């Protein structure tokens, strides 16, 4: 729910802000946001010692702005003072209030470098979502060479295959006959990152794992 502050240039207005900031570092959430910038713009100067929470918050926001805008300030006078000048300062920040905080443009002065960085972050997020959009659950039969194969070492060898997009799951030994057992093992894959055929042909049936594994068969393949 939105919080409303009025007359932040007065003691009564600062008292409401002081109460709101009790036990909090920022106006909203656990990180600096446009809410902090809007309120900061409406406070004409650092609150006095009678408002310790507000004063601490004011210093925190001041430090954040200083790191983003390192240029040396020589001082600017805004005729009108008080609430009028505060409202004027707050207006540009309020204009962007509905934008993503990841691309925070504090005073509407976005540079080409900022825009490029924002575009790259958006593309990275879209790429990550695309990679995670398709997953499959697979059940494999892994067969040993004979009844003398150490099935514990066989399973360890199978699980030793690690790659991005591959997660090994539950397993069990299933009797085949003549004292031979096969390993049935579940795995989850990200479709765009892992090919089960390549996993079998290039890893599970190649050295050194083929010392234990004779062959692998896909028993079930289901999209998640």
N, C-alpha and C. Protein backbone atom coordinates (compact mmCIF):
# COMPACT_ATOMS: atom_id res chain seq x y z
N UNK A 1 0.85 -1.19 0.00
CA UNK A 1 0.00 0.00 0.00
C UNK A 1 0.89 1.24 0.00
N UNK A 2 0.52 2.23 -0.80
CA UNK A 2 1.31 3.45 -0.90
C UNK A 2 1.23 4.24 0.41
N UNK A 3 2.35 4.87 0.75
CA UNK A 3 2.42 5.70 1.95
C UNK A 3 2.43 7.15 1.50
N UNK A 4 1.68 7.99 2.19
CA UNK A 4 1.59 9.40 1.83
C UNK A 4 2.28 10.26 2.88
N UNK A 5 3.15 11.14 2.41
CA UNK A 5 3.81 12.10 3.28
C UNK A 5 3.46 13.50 2.78
N UNK A 6 3.16 14.40 3.70
CA UNK A 6 2.85 15.78 3.32
C UNK A 6 3.68 16.74 4.16
N UNK A 7 3.90 17.92 3.60
CA UNK A 7 4.58 19.01 4.32
C UNK A 7 5.90 18.57 4.94
N UNK A 8 6.74 17.91 4.12
CA UNK A 8 8.02 17.43 4.65
C UNK A 8 9.01 18.55 4.93
N UNK A 9 8.62 19.77 4.61
CA UNK A 9 9.46 20.92 4.96
C UNK A 9 9.10 21.45 6.34
N UNK A 10 8.14 20.78 7.00
CA UNK A 10 7.71 21.22 8.33
C UNK A 10 8.04 20.14 9.37
N UNK A 11 8.01 20.56 10.64
CA UNK A 11 8.29 19.61 11.73
C UNK A 11 7.25 18.51 11.78
N UNK A 12 5.98 18.85 11.54
CA UNK A 12 4.92 17.84 11.58
C UNK A 12 5.12 16.81 10.47
N UNK A 13 5.50 17.27 9.29
CA UNK A 13 5.74 16.34 8.19
C UNK A 13 6.91 15.43 8.47
N UNK A 14 7.99 15.98 9.03
CA UNK A 14 9.16 15.18 9.36
C UNK A 14 8.86 14.18 10.48
N UNK A 15 7.93 14.54 11.37
CA UNK A 15 7.58 13.63 12.45
C UNK A 15 6.92 12.37 11.89
N UNK A 16 6.08 12.52 10.86
CA UNK A 16 5.45 11.36 10.23
C UNK A 16 6.51 10.50 9.54
N UNK A 17 7.48 11.13 8.87
CA UNK A 17 8.56 10.39 8.21
C UNK A 17 9.41 9.66 9.25
N UNK A 18 9.68 10.33 10.37
CA UNK A 18 10.47 9.75 11.45
C UNK A 18 9.81 8.46 11.97
N UNK A 19 8.52 8.51 12.16
CA UNK A 19 7.79 7.34 12.66
C UNK A 19 7.80 6.21 11.63
N UNK A 20 7.65 6.57 10.37
CA UNK A 20 7.62 5.56 9.30
C UNK A 20 8.97 4.84 9.19
N UNK A 21 10.06 5.56 9.42
CA UNK A 21 11.39 4.99 9.26
C UNK A 21 11.90 4.26 10.50
N UNK A 22 11.09 4.18 11.53
CA UNK A 22 11.50 3.47 12.74
C UNK A 22 11.75 2.00 12.42
N UNK A 23 12.99 1.54 12.64
CA UNK A 23 13.34 0.16 12.35
C UNK A 23 13.56 -0.13 10.87
N UNK A 24 13.59 0.89 10.04
CA UNK A 24 13.76 0.71 8.60
C UNK A 24 14.98 1.48 8.10
N UNK A 25 15.57 0.99 7.02
CA UNK A 25 16.67 1.70 6.39
C UNK A 25 16.16 2.56 5.25
N UNK A 26 15.14 2.06 4.54
CA UNK A 26 14.61 2.77 3.39
C UNK A 26 13.10 2.95 3.52
N UNK A 27 12.56 3.82 2.72
CA UNK A 27 11.12 4.09 2.76
C UNK A 27 10.32 2.85 2.40
N UNK A 28 10.80 2.13 1.37
CA UNK A 28 10.09 0.92 0.92
C UNK A 28 11.11 -0.19 0.70
N UNK A 29 10.86 -1.37 1.25
CA UNK A 29 11.70 -2.53 0.97
C UNK A 29 13.07 -2.46 1.62
N UNK A 30 13.96 -3.34 1.10
CA UNK A 30 15.30 -3.48 1.69
C UNK A 30 16.39 -2.84 0.85
N UNK A 31 16.03 -2.06 -0.16
CA UNK A 31 17.01 -1.40 -1.01
C UNK A 31 16.47 -0.04 -1.43
N UNK A 32 17.37 0.85 -1.78
CA UNK A 32 16.95 2.18 -2.20
C UNK A 32 16.09 2.08 -3.46
N UNK A 33 15.03 2.87 -3.50
CA UNK A 33 14.10 2.82 -4.63
C UNK A 33 13.67 4.23 -4.99
N UNK A 34 12.82 4.34 -6.00
CA UNK A 34 12.31 5.64 -6.40
C UNK A 34 11.49 6.29 -5.29
N UNK A 35 10.91 5.46 -4.40
CA UNK A 35 10.19 6.03 -3.27
C UNK A 35 11.12 6.89 -2.43
N UNK A 36 12.33 6.38 -2.18
CA UNK A 36 13.30 7.15 -1.41
C UNK A 36 13.66 8.46 -2.11
N UNK A 37 13.85 8.37 -3.43
CA UNK A 37 14.24 9.57 -4.19
C UNK A 37 13.15 10.62 -4.17
N UNK A 38 11.89 10.18 -4.29
CA UNK A 38 10.77 11.12 -4.28
C UNK A 38 10.66 11.83 -2.94
N UNK A 39 10.78 11.03 -1.85
CA UNK A 39 10.68 11.64 -0.53
C UNK A 39 11.89 12.54 -0.26
N UNK A 40 13.07 12.07 -0.66
CA UNK A 40 14.29 12.84 -0.47
C UNK A 40 14.18 14.21 -1.14
N UNK A 41 13.60 14.22 -2.34
CA UNK A 41 13.46 15.47 -3.09
C UNK A 41 12.52 16.45 -2.39
N UNK A 42 11.62 15.91 -1.55
CA UNK A 42 10.65 16.77 -0.87
C UNK A 42 11.16 17.26 0.48
N UNK A 43 12.30 16.74 0.94
CA UNK A 43 12.89 17.18 2.21
C UNK A 43 13.97 18.21 1.88
N UNK A 44 13.77 19.47 2.25
CA UNK A 44 14.69 20.54 1.82
C UNK A 44 16.11 20.44 2.38
N UNK A 45 16.28 19.83 3.56
CA UNK A 45 17.62 19.71 4.16
C UNK A 45 17.62 18.56 5.15
N UNK A 46 18.79 18.17 5.61
CA UNK A 46 18.90 17.06 6.55
C UNK A 46 18.12 17.36 7.83
N UNK A 47 17.24 16.42 8.23
CA UNK A 47 16.47 16.62 9.46
C UNK A 47 17.39 16.76 10.67
N UNK A 48 16.93 17.47 11.69
CA UNK A 48 17.73 17.72 12.88
C UNK A 48 17.83 16.51 13.79
N UNK A 49 18.55 16.71 14.90
CA UNK A 49 18.81 15.62 15.84
C UNK A 49 17.54 15.07 16.46
N UNK A 50 16.46 15.84 16.47
CA UNK A 50 15.20 15.35 17.04
C UNK A 50 14.52 14.33 16.14
N UNK A 51 15.08 14.14 14.93
CA UNK A 51 14.55 13.15 13.99
C UNK A 51 15.69 12.19 13.59
N UNK A 52 16.18 11.36 14.50
CA UNK A 52 17.35 10.51 14.21
C UNK A 52 17.13 9.52 13.08
N UNK A 53 15.95 8.92 12.98
CA UNK A 53 15.69 7.95 11.91
C UNK A 53 15.70 8.63 10.55
N UNK A 54 15.04 9.77 10.49
CA UNK A 54 14.98 10.52 9.23
C UNK A 54 16.36 11.04 8.83
N UNK A 55 17.14 11.49 9.83
CA UNK A 55 18.48 12.00 9.54
C UNK A 55 19.39 10.89 9.02
N UNK A 56 19.30 9.70 9.63
CA UNK A 56 20.12 8.57 9.17
C UNK A 56 19.73 8.18 7.75
N UNK A 57 18.42 8.12 7.50
CA UNK A 57 17.95 7.81 6.14
C UNK A 57 18.43 8.87 5.14
N UNK A 58 18.36 10.14 5.51
CA UNK A 58 18.78 11.22 4.63
C UNK A 58 20.25 11.06 4.24
N UNK A 59 21.10 10.71 5.23
CA UNK A 59 22.53 10.50 4.95
C UNK A 59 22.74 9.31 4.02
N UNK A 60 21.95 8.26 4.20
CA UNK A 60 22.07 7.06 3.35
C UNK A 60 21.74 7.38 1.90
N UNK A 61 20.65 8.10 1.69
CA UNK A 61 20.26 8.46 0.32
C UNK A 61 21.27 9.43 -0.28
N UNK A 62 21.76 10.36 0.54
CA UNK A 62 22.76 11.32 0.06
C UNK A 62 24.00 10.59 -0.44
N UNK A 63 24.44 9.57 0.32
CA UNK A 63 25.62 8.80 -0.08
C UNK A 63 25.37 8.05 -1.37
N UNK A 64 24.16 7.50 -1.54
CA UNK A 64 23.83 6.76 -2.76
C UNK A 64 23.84 7.68 -3.97
N UNK A 65 23.30 8.88 -3.80
CA UNK A 65 23.28 9.84 -4.91
C UNK A 65 24.69 10.33 -5.23
N UNK A 66 25.50 10.48 -4.20
CA UNK A 66 26.87 10.96 -4.42
C UNK A 66 27.68 9.97 -5.24
N UNK A 67 27.43 8.65 -5.00
CA UNK A 67 28.18 7.64 -5.75
C UNK A 67 27.72 7.58 -7.20
N UNK A 68 26.44 7.91 -7.44
CA UNK A 68 25.93 7.87 -8.82
C UNK A 68 26.26 9.14 -9.59
N UNK A 69 26.34 10.25 -8.88
CA UNK A 69 26.64 11.53 -9.51
C UNK A 69 27.88 12.13 -8.83
N UNK A 70 29.08 11.65 -9.22
CA UNK A 70 30.31 12.06 -8.53
C UNK A 70 30.80 13.47 -8.86
N UNK A 71 30.17 14.15 -9.82
CA UNK A 71 30.63 15.49 -10.18
C UNK A 71 30.55 16.46 -9.02
N UNK A 72 31.48 17.38 -8.95
CA UNK A 72 31.52 18.35 -7.86
C UNK A 72 30.39 19.36 -8.01
N UNK A 73 29.61 19.54 -6.93
CA UNK A 73 28.50 20.49 -6.95
C UNK A 73 28.99 21.86 -6.48
N UNK A 74 28.54 22.92 -7.17
CA UNK A 74 28.92 24.27 -6.78
C UNK A 74 27.76 25.00 -6.12
N UNK A 75 26.58 24.36 -6.10
CA UNK A 75 25.43 24.97 -5.44
C UNK A 75 24.46 25.56 -6.44
N UNK A 76 23.18 25.28 -6.24
CA UNK A 76 22.13 25.79 -7.11
C UNK A 76 21.01 26.34 -6.24
N UNK A 77 20.55 27.54 -6.54
CA UNK A 77 19.43 28.13 -5.80
C UNK A 77 18.15 27.95 -6.59
N UNK A 78 17.11 27.50 -5.88
CA UNK A 78 15.80 27.32 -6.51
C UNK A 78 14.82 28.28 -5.85
N UNK A 79 14.50 29.40 -6.50
CA UNK A 79 13.59 30.38 -5.91
C UNK A 79 12.25 29.75 -5.55
N UNK A 80 11.65 30.20 -4.47
CA UNK A 80 10.34 29.69 -4.07
C UNK A 80 10.44 28.95 -2.76
N UNK A 81 11.48 28.12 -2.62
CA UNK A 81 11.77 27.43 -1.36
C UNK A 81 10.66 26.51 -0.92
N UNK A 82 10.92 25.87 0.22
CA UNK A 82 9.93 25.04 0.89
C UNK A 82 9.29 24.01 0.00
N UNK A 83 7.97 23.87 0.16
CA UNK A 83 7.24 22.81 -0.52
C UNK A 83 7.26 22.99 -2.02
N UNK A 84 7.22 24.26 -2.49
CA UNK A 84 7.15 24.49 -3.93
C UNK A 84 8.39 23.95 -4.62
N UNK A 85 9.59 24.30 -4.10
CA UNK A 85 10.81 23.84 -4.74
C UNK A 85 10.96 22.34 -4.57
N UNK A 86 10.51 21.81 -3.43
CA UNK A 86 10.61 20.37 -3.20
C UNK A 86 9.75 19.63 -4.21
N UNK A 87 8.53 20.14 -4.44
CA UNK A 87 7.64 19.48 -5.39
C UNK A 87 8.23 19.51 -6.79
N UNK A 88 8.86 20.63 -7.14
CA UNK A 88 9.46 20.73 -8.46
C UNK A 88 10.58 19.74 -8.62
N UNK A 89 11.36 19.55 -7.55
CA UNK A 89 12.48 18.61 -7.61
C UNK A 89 11.97 17.18 -7.66
N UNK A 90 10.84 16.93 -6.99
CA UNK A 90 10.32 15.56 -6.94
C UNK A 90 9.65 15.15 -8.23
N UNK A 91 9.14 16.10 -9.01
CA UNK A 91 8.36 15.77 -10.20
C UNK A 91 9.08 14.87 -11.19
N UNK A 92 10.36 15.15 -11.57
CA UNK A 92 11.02 14.26 -12.54
C UNK A 92 11.13 12.84 -12.03
N UNK A 93 11.41 12.67 -10.73
CA UNK A 93 11.53 11.31 -10.19
C UNK A 93 10.19 10.62 -10.22
N UNK A 94 9.10 11.36 -9.91
CA UNK A 94 7.77 10.76 -9.90
C UNK A 94 7.37 10.31 -11.29
N UNK A 95 7.84 10.99 -12.31
CA UNK A 95 7.49 10.67 -13.68
C UNK A 95 7.83 9.25 -14.03
N UNK A 96 8.94 8.73 -13.46
CA UNK A 96 9.41 7.38 -13.80
C UNK A 96 9.04 6.36 -12.74
N UNK A 97 8.10 6.66 -11.87
CA UNK A 97 7.83 5.81 -10.71
C UNK A 97 7.42 4.40 -11.07
N UNK A 98 6.82 4.21 -12.24
CA UNK A 98 6.34 2.89 -12.61
C UNK A 98 7.35 2.09 -13.39
N UNK A 99 8.56 2.63 -13.62
CA UNK A 99 9.57 1.91 -14.37
C UNK A 99 10.28 0.92 -13.49
N UNK A 100 10.97 -0.03 -14.07
CA UNK A 100 11.72 -1.05 -13.32
C UNK A 100 12.86 -0.40 -12.56
N UNK A 101 12.96 -0.70 -11.25
CA UNK A 101 14.03 -0.11 -10.44
C UNK A 101 15.41 -0.54 -10.91
N UNK A 102 15.49 -1.68 -11.67
CA UNK A 102 16.78 -2.12 -12.18
C UNK A 102 17.38 -1.08 -13.11
N UNK A 103 16.49 -0.30 -13.76
CA UNK A 103 16.94 0.70 -14.72
C UNK A 103 16.65 2.09 -14.17
N UNK A 104 16.92 2.30 -12.89
CA UNK A 104 16.60 3.52 -12.19
C UNK A 104 17.25 4.73 -12.86
N UNK A 105 16.42 5.66 -13.30
CA UNK A 105 16.88 6.90 -13.91
C UNK A 105 16.45 8.01 -12.95
N UNK A 106 17.35 8.41 -12.05
CA UNK A 106 16.95 9.22 -10.91
C UNK A 106 16.29 10.53 -11.28
N UNK A 107 16.80 11.22 -12.25
CA UNK A 107 16.23 12.52 -12.58
C UNK A 107 15.97 12.67 -14.09
N UNK A 108 15.67 11.58 -14.74
CA UNK A 108 15.31 11.63 -16.15
C UNK A 108 16.46 11.96 -17.07
N UNK A 109 17.69 11.81 -16.59
CA UNK A 109 18.85 12.19 -17.39
C UNK A 109 19.63 10.92 -17.77
N UNK A 110 19.00 10.06 -18.56
CA UNK A 110 19.60 8.79 -18.93
C UNK A 110 20.59 8.98 -20.07
N UNK A 111 21.79 8.49 -19.88
CA UNK A 111 22.81 8.61 -20.91
C UNK A 111 22.73 7.42 -21.85
N UNK A 112 23.43 7.49 -22.97
CA UNK A 112 23.47 6.38 -23.92
C UNK A 112 24.07 5.15 -23.28
N UNK A 113 25.07 5.37 -22.40
CA UNK A 113 25.71 4.24 -21.71
C UNK A 113 24.72 3.55 -20.78
N UNK A 114 23.91 4.36 -20.06
CA UNK A 114 22.89 3.79 -19.17
C UNK A 114 21.87 2.99 -19.96
N UNK A 115 21.45 3.54 -21.11
CA UNK A 115 20.45 2.86 -21.93
C UNK A 115 20.99 1.53 -22.47
N UNK A 116 22.26 1.55 -22.89
CA UNK A 116 22.88 0.33 -23.40
C UNK A 116 22.96 -0.73 -22.32
N UNK A 117 23.36 -0.31 -21.11
CA UNK A 117 23.46 -1.25 -19.99
C UNK A 117 22.10 -1.84 -19.65
N UNK A 118 21.07 -0.99 -19.69
CA UNK A 118 19.71 -1.48 -19.39
C UNK A 118 19.26 -2.48 -20.45
N UNK A 119 19.57 -2.19 -21.72
CA UNK A 119 19.19 -3.11 -22.79
C UNK A 119 19.90 -4.45 -22.65
N UNK A 120 21.18 -4.39 -22.26
CA UNK A 120 21.94 -5.64 -22.07
C UNK A 120 21.39 -6.46 -20.94
N UNK A 121 20.99 -5.80 -19.83
CA UNK A 121 20.40 -6.53 -18.71
C UNK A 121 19.08 -7.17 -19.12
N UNK A 122 18.28 -6.43 -19.88
CA UNK A 122 17.00 -6.97 -20.33
C UNK A 122 17.21 -8.18 -21.24
N UNK A 123 18.20 -8.09 -22.14
CA UNK A 123 18.49 -9.20 -23.05
C UNK A 123 18.99 -10.41 -22.28
N UNK A 124 19.81 -10.17 -21.25
CA UNK A 124 20.33 -11.26 -20.43
C UNK A 124 19.21 -11.97 -19.70
N UNK A 125 18.27 -11.20 -19.14
CA UNK A 125 17.14 -11.79 -18.44
C UNK A 125 16.28 -12.61 -19.40
N UNK A 126 16.04 -12.06 -20.61
CA UNK A 126 15.23 -12.77 -21.59
C UNK A 126 15.89 -14.07 -22.01
N UNK A 127 17.23 -14.03 -22.16
CA UNK A 127 17.98 -15.22 -22.56
C UNK A 127 17.89 -16.30 -21.48
N UNK A 128 18.01 -15.88 -20.21
CA UNK A 128 17.95 -16.83 -19.10
C UNK A 128 16.58 -17.48 -19.04
N UNK A 129 15.53 -16.67 -19.23
CA UNK A 129 14.18 -17.22 -19.19
C UNK A 129 13.96 -18.20 -20.33
N UNK A 130 14.54 -17.89 -21.49
CA UNK A 130 14.37 -18.77 -22.64
C UNK A 130 15.03 -20.11 -22.38
N UNK A 131 16.24 -20.09 -21.78
CA UNK A 131 16.95 -21.32 -21.51
C UNK A 131 16.21 -22.20 -20.52
N UNK A 132 15.52 -21.55 -19.58
CA UNK A 132 14.83 -22.31 -18.55
C UNK A 132 13.41 -22.68 -18.95
N UNK A 133 12.96 -22.22 -20.13
CA UNK A 133 11.57 -22.43 -20.50
C UNK A 133 11.24 -23.88 -20.84
N UNK A 134 12.22 -24.66 -21.34
CA UNK A 134 11.95 -26.04 -21.71
C UNK A 134 12.77 -27.03 -20.92
N UNK A 135 12.11 -27.89 -20.14
CA UNK A 135 12.81 -28.92 -19.37
C UNK A 135 12.16 -30.27 -19.64
N UNK A 136 12.94 -31.32 -19.43
CA UNK A 136 12.43 -32.67 -19.62
C UNK A 136 12.92 -33.57 -18.49
N UNK A 137 12.07 -34.54 -18.16
CA UNK A 137 12.43 -35.56 -17.19
C UNK A 137 12.70 -36.86 -17.95
N UNK A 138 13.85 -37.46 -17.65
CA UNK A 138 14.27 -38.64 -18.42
C UNK A 138 14.57 -39.79 -17.45
N UNK A 139 14.17 -41.00 -17.86
CA UNK A 139 14.50 -42.21 -17.10
C UNK A 139 15.42 -43.06 -17.97
N UNK A 140 16.62 -43.34 -17.44
CA UNK A 140 17.61 -44.11 -18.19
C UNK A 140 17.81 -45.50 -17.59
N UNK A 141 17.99 -46.48 -18.46
CA UNK A 141 18.48 -47.80 -18.07
C UNK A 141 19.97 -47.84 -18.36
N UNK A 142 20.77 -48.09 -17.36
CA UNK A 142 22.22 -48.17 -17.54
C UNK A 142 22.64 -49.62 -17.25
N UNK A 143 23.16 -50.31 -18.26
CA UNK A 143 23.47 -51.73 -18.12
C UNK A 143 24.96 -51.97 -17.95
N UNK A 144 25.32 -52.84 -17.00
CA UNK A 144 26.74 -53.16 -16.76
C UNK A 144 27.22 -54.22 -17.75
N UNK A 145 28.50 -54.53 -17.69
CA UNK A 145 29.04 -55.55 -18.58
C UNK A 145 28.64 -56.96 -18.14
N UNK A 146 28.67 -57.18 -16.83
CA UNK A 146 28.33 -58.52 -16.34
C UNK A 146 27.99 -58.44 -14.86
N UNK A 147 27.80 -59.62 -14.26
CA UNK A 147 27.41 -59.66 -12.85
C UNK A 147 28.55 -59.33 -11.91
N UNK A 148 29.75 -59.19 -12.44
CA UNK A 148 30.89 -58.84 -11.59
C UNK A 148 31.15 -57.33 -11.55
N UNK A 149 30.41 -56.58 -12.33
CA UNK A 149 30.57 -55.13 -12.34
C UNK A 149 30.13 -54.55 -10.99
N UNK A 150 30.95 -53.69 -10.43
CA UNK A 150 30.62 -53.03 -9.16
C UNK A 150 29.58 -51.95 -9.45
N UNK A 151 28.33 -52.21 -9.06
CA UNK A 151 27.24 -51.30 -9.41
C UNK A 151 27.33 -49.97 -8.66
N UNK A 152 27.95 -50.00 -7.47
CA UNK A 152 28.12 -48.75 -6.74
C UNK A 152 29.08 -47.83 -7.49
N UNK A 153 30.17 -48.39 -8.00
CA UNK A 153 31.13 -47.59 -8.77
C UNK A 153 30.52 -47.17 -10.10
N UNK A 154 29.67 -48.04 -10.66
CA UNK A 154 29.00 -47.69 -11.91
C UNK A 154 28.14 -46.44 -11.70
N UNK A 155 27.36 -46.43 -10.64
CA UNK A 155 26.50 -45.27 -10.38
C UNK A 155 27.34 -44.02 -10.11
N UNK A 156 28.42 -44.17 -9.36
CA UNK A 156 29.29 -43.03 -9.08
C UNK A 156 29.87 -42.47 -10.38
N UNK A 157 30.21 -43.37 -11.30
CA UNK A 157 30.77 -42.94 -12.58
C UNK A 157 29.72 -42.18 -13.39
N UNK A 158 28.48 -42.68 -13.37
CA UNK A 158 27.39 -42.03 -14.10
C UNK A 158 27.15 -40.63 -13.53
N UNK A 159 27.04 -40.54 -12.22
CA UNK A 159 26.75 -39.24 -11.59
C UNK A 159 27.94 -38.27 -11.67
N UNK A 160 29.11 -38.78 -12.01
CA UNK A 160 30.28 -37.90 -12.13
C UNK A 160 30.17 -36.98 -13.34
N UNK A 161 29.27 -37.32 -14.26
CA UNK A 161 29.07 -36.46 -15.44
C UNK A 161 28.28 -35.23 -14.99
N UNK A 162 28.89 -34.09 -15.06
CA UNK A 162 28.26 -32.84 -14.64
C UNK A 162 28.33 -31.85 -15.78
N UNK A 163 27.21 -31.19 -16.05
CA UNK A 163 27.19 -30.15 -17.07
C UNK A 163 26.03 -29.21 -16.79
N UNK A 164 26.11 -28.03 -17.34
CA UNK A 164 25.04 -27.04 -17.14
C UNK A 164 23.74 -27.56 -17.73
N UNK A 165 22.68 -27.50 -16.95
CA UNK A 165 21.38 -27.94 -17.43
C UNK A 165 21.07 -29.39 -17.14
N UNK A 166 21.97 -30.10 -16.44
CA UNK A 166 21.78 -31.52 -16.12
C UNK A 166 21.70 -31.69 -14.61
N UNK A 167 20.63 -32.35 -14.14
CA UNK A 167 20.47 -32.65 -12.72
C UNK A 167 20.11 -34.12 -12.55
N UNK A 168 20.95 -34.85 -11.84
CA UNK A 168 20.68 -36.26 -11.58
C UNK A 168 19.67 -36.39 -10.45
N UNK A 169 18.81 -37.42 -10.56
CA UNK A 169 17.78 -37.63 -9.55
C UNK A 169 17.89 -38.99 -8.88
N UNK A 170 16.75 -39.55 -8.51
CA UNK A 170 16.71 -40.82 -7.79
C UNK A 170 17.12 -41.98 -8.68
N UNK A 171 17.56 -43.06 -8.04
CA UNK A 171 17.99 -44.23 -8.81
C UNK A 171 17.65 -45.50 -8.04
N UNK A 172 17.68 -46.64 -8.74
CA UNK A 172 17.49 -47.94 -8.10
C UNK A 172 18.10 -49.02 -8.98
N UNK A 173 18.40 -50.16 -8.38
CA UNK A 173 18.93 -51.30 -9.11
C UNK A 173 17.78 -52.26 -9.42
N UNK A 174 17.72 -52.69 -10.67
CA UNK A 174 16.64 -53.57 -11.12
C UNK A 174 17.24 -54.87 -11.64
N UNK A 175 16.80 -56.03 -11.11
CA UNK A 175 17.33 -57.32 -11.59
C UNK A 175 17.01 -57.53 -13.07
N UNK A 176 18.00 -58.04 -13.79
CA UNK A 176 17.82 -58.34 -15.21
C UNK A 176 17.74 -59.84 -15.42
N UNK A 177 18.58 -60.57 -14.72
CA UNK A 177 18.63 -62.02 -14.85
C UNK A 177 20.06 -62.53 -14.74
N UNK A 178 20.20 -63.78 -14.33
CA UNK A 178 21.52 -64.40 -14.20
C UNK A 178 22.41 -63.63 -13.22
N UNK A 179 21.77 -63.04 -12.20
CA UNK A 179 22.52 -62.31 -11.19
C UNK A 179 22.94 -60.91 -11.61
N UNK A 180 22.54 -60.50 -12.81
CA UNK A 180 22.90 -59.17 -13.31
C UNK A 180 21.80 -58.17 -12.96
N UNK A 181 22.21 -56.98 -12.54
CA UNK A 181 21.27 -55.90 -12.27
C UNK A 181 21.64 -54.69 -13.14
N UNK A 182 20.62 -53.92 -13.47
CA UNK A 182 20.85 -52.69 -14.22
C UNK A 182 20.50 -51.50 -13.32
N UNK A 183 21.07 -50.36 -13.64
CA UNK A 183 20.78 -49.14 -12.89
C UNK A 183 19.71 -48.34 -13.62
N UNK A 184 18.63 -48.03 -12.94
CA UNK A 184 17.63 -47.10 -13.47
C UNK A 184 17.81 -45.79 -12.73
N UNK A 185 17.99 -44.73 -13.49
CA UNK A 185 18.27 -43.43 -12.87
C UNK A 185 17.49 -42.32 -13.56
N UNK A 186 16.95 -41.43 -12.75
CA UNK A 186 16.21 -40.27 -13.26
C UNK A 186 17.16 -39.08 -13.45
N UNK A 187 16.86 -38.27 -14.43
CA UNK A 187 17.60 -37.02 -14.60
C UNK A 187 16.68 -35.97 -15.19
N UNK A 188 16.98 -34.74 -14.88
CA UNK A 188 16.23 -33.61 -15.44
C UNK A 188 17.19 -32.80 -16.28
N UNK A 189 16.74 -32.41 -17.47
CA UNK A 189 17.60 -31.63 -18.36
C UNK A 189 16.89 -30.36 -18.82
N UNK A 190 17.68 -29.33 -19.09
CA UNK A 190 17.19 -28.14 -19.78
C UNK A 190 17.39 -28.43 -21.27
N UNK A 191 16.29 -28.47 -22.01
CA UNK A 191 16.33 -28.95 -23.39
C UNK A 191 17.32 -28.20 -24.29
N UNK A 192 17.43 -26.90 -24.08
CA UNK A 192 18.32 -26.10 -24.94
C UNK A 192 19.79 -26.30 -24.60
N UNK A 193 20.07 -26.94 -23.45
CA UNK A 193 21.46 -27.07 -23.02
C UNK A 193 22.00 -28.49 -23.08
N UNK A 194 21.12 -29.48 -22.95
CA UNK A 194 21.58 -30.87 -22.86
C UNK A 194 20.84 -31.75 -23.86
N UNK A 195 21.59 -32.53 -24.61
CA UNK A 195 21.04 -33.56 -25.50
C UNK A 195 21.27 -34.91 -24.84
N UNK A 196 20.21 -35.68 -24.64
CA UNK A 196 20.36 -36.98 -24.00
C UNK A 196 21.19 -37.92 -24.87
N UNK A 197 21.00 -37.86 -26.18
CA UNK A 197 21.79 -38.70 -27.08
C UNK A 197 23.27 -38.41 -26.95
N UNK A 198 23.61 -37.12 -26.90
CA UNK A 198 25.02 -36.75 -26.74
C UNK A 198 25.55 -37.16 -25.38
N UNK A 199 24.70 -37.03 -24.36
CA UNK A 199 25.08 -37.44 -23.01
C UNK A 199 25.48 -38.90 -22.99
N UNK A 200 24.68 -39.74 -23.67
CA UNK A 200 24.96 -41.17 -23.70
C UNK A 200 26.18 -41.49 -24.56
N UNK A 201 26.19 -40.94 -25.80
CA UNK A 201 27.23 -41.30 -26.76
C UNK A 201 28.60 -40.70 -26.43
N UNK A 202 28.61 -39.49 -25.87
CA UNK A 202 29.88 -38.79 -25.67
C UNK A 202 30.40 -38.86 -24.23
N UNK A 203 29.56 -39.36 -23.32
CA UNK A 203 29.98 -39.38 -21.92
C UNK A 203 29.78 -40.75 -21.28
N UNK A 204 28.53 -41.21 -21.23
CA UNK A 204 28.23 -42.42 -20.46
C UNK A 204 28.78 -43.70 -21.07
N UNK A 205 29.00 -43.72 -22.38
CA UNK A 205 29.54 -44.93 -23.01
C UNK A 205 30.95 -44.71 -23.55
N UNK A 206 31.61 -43.69 -23.05
CA UNK A 206 32.99 -43.40 -23.45
C UNK A 206 33.90 -43.56 -22.23
N UNK A 207 35.20 -43.63 -22.50
CA UNK A 207 36.16 -43.75 -21.40
C UNK A 207 36.07 -42.53 -20.47
N UNK A 208 36.26 -42.71 -19.17
CA UNK A 208 36.54 -43.98 -18.47
C UNK A 208 35.29 -44.70 -17.99
N UNK A 209 34.09 -44.07 -18.24
CA UNK A 209 32.86 -44.63 -17.70
C UNK A 209 32.50 -45.96 -18.34
N UNK A 210 32.93 -46.18 -19.59
CA UNK A 210 32.58 -47.45 -20.26
C UNK A 210 33.31 -48.65 -19.66
N UNK A 211 34.17 -48.39 -18.68
CA UNK A 211 34.76 -49.49 -17.93
C UNK A 211 33.67 -50.23 -17.15
N UNK A 212 32.63 -49.49 -16.78
CA UNK A 212 31.52 -50.08 -16.02
C UNK A 212 30.25 -50.21 -16.86
N UNK A 213 30.04 -49.27 -17.78
CA UNK A 213 28.78 -49.20 -18.52
C UNK A 213 28.91 -49.86 -19.89
N UNK A 214 28.02 -50.82 -20.14
CA UNK A 214 27.99 -51.46 -21.45
C UNK A 214 27.12 -50.67 -22.41
N UNK A 215 25.93 -50.24 -21.92
CA UNK A 215 25.01 -49.51 -22.79
C UNK A 215 24.00 -48.73 -21.95
N UNK A 216 23.34 -47.78 -22.60
CA UNK A 216 22.29 -46.96 -21.96
C UNK A 216 21.08 -46.90 -22.87
N UNK A 217 19.91 -46.99 -22.30
CA UNK A 217 18.67 -46.89 -23.06
C UNK A 217 17.74 -45.89 -22.40
N UNK A 218 17.05 -45.13 -23.23
CA UNK A 218 16.06 -44.17 -22.71
C UNK A 218 14.74 -44.93 -22.50
N UNK A 219 14.31 -45.01 -21.25
CA UNK A 219 13.07 -45.72 -20.91
C UNK A 219 11.88 -44.77 -21.01
N UNK A 220 12.06 -43.56 -20.55
CA UNK A 220 10.97 -42.57 -20.60
C UNK A 220 11.54 -41.18 -20.78
N UNK A 221 10.81 -40.37 -21.55
CA UNK A 221 11.25 -39.00 -21.83
C UNK A 221 10.00 -38.13 -21.81
N UNK A 222 9.89 -37.28 -20.80
CA UNK A 222 8.68 -36.46 -20.65
C UNK A 222 9.03 -35.00 -20.49
N UNK A 223 8.30 -34.14 -21.22
CA UNK A 223 8.45 -32.70 -21.07
C UNK A 223 7.85 -32.28 -19.74
N UNK A 224 8.53 -31.35 -19.09
CA UNK A 224 8.04 -30.84 -17.82
C UNK A 224 7.30 -29.51 -18.05
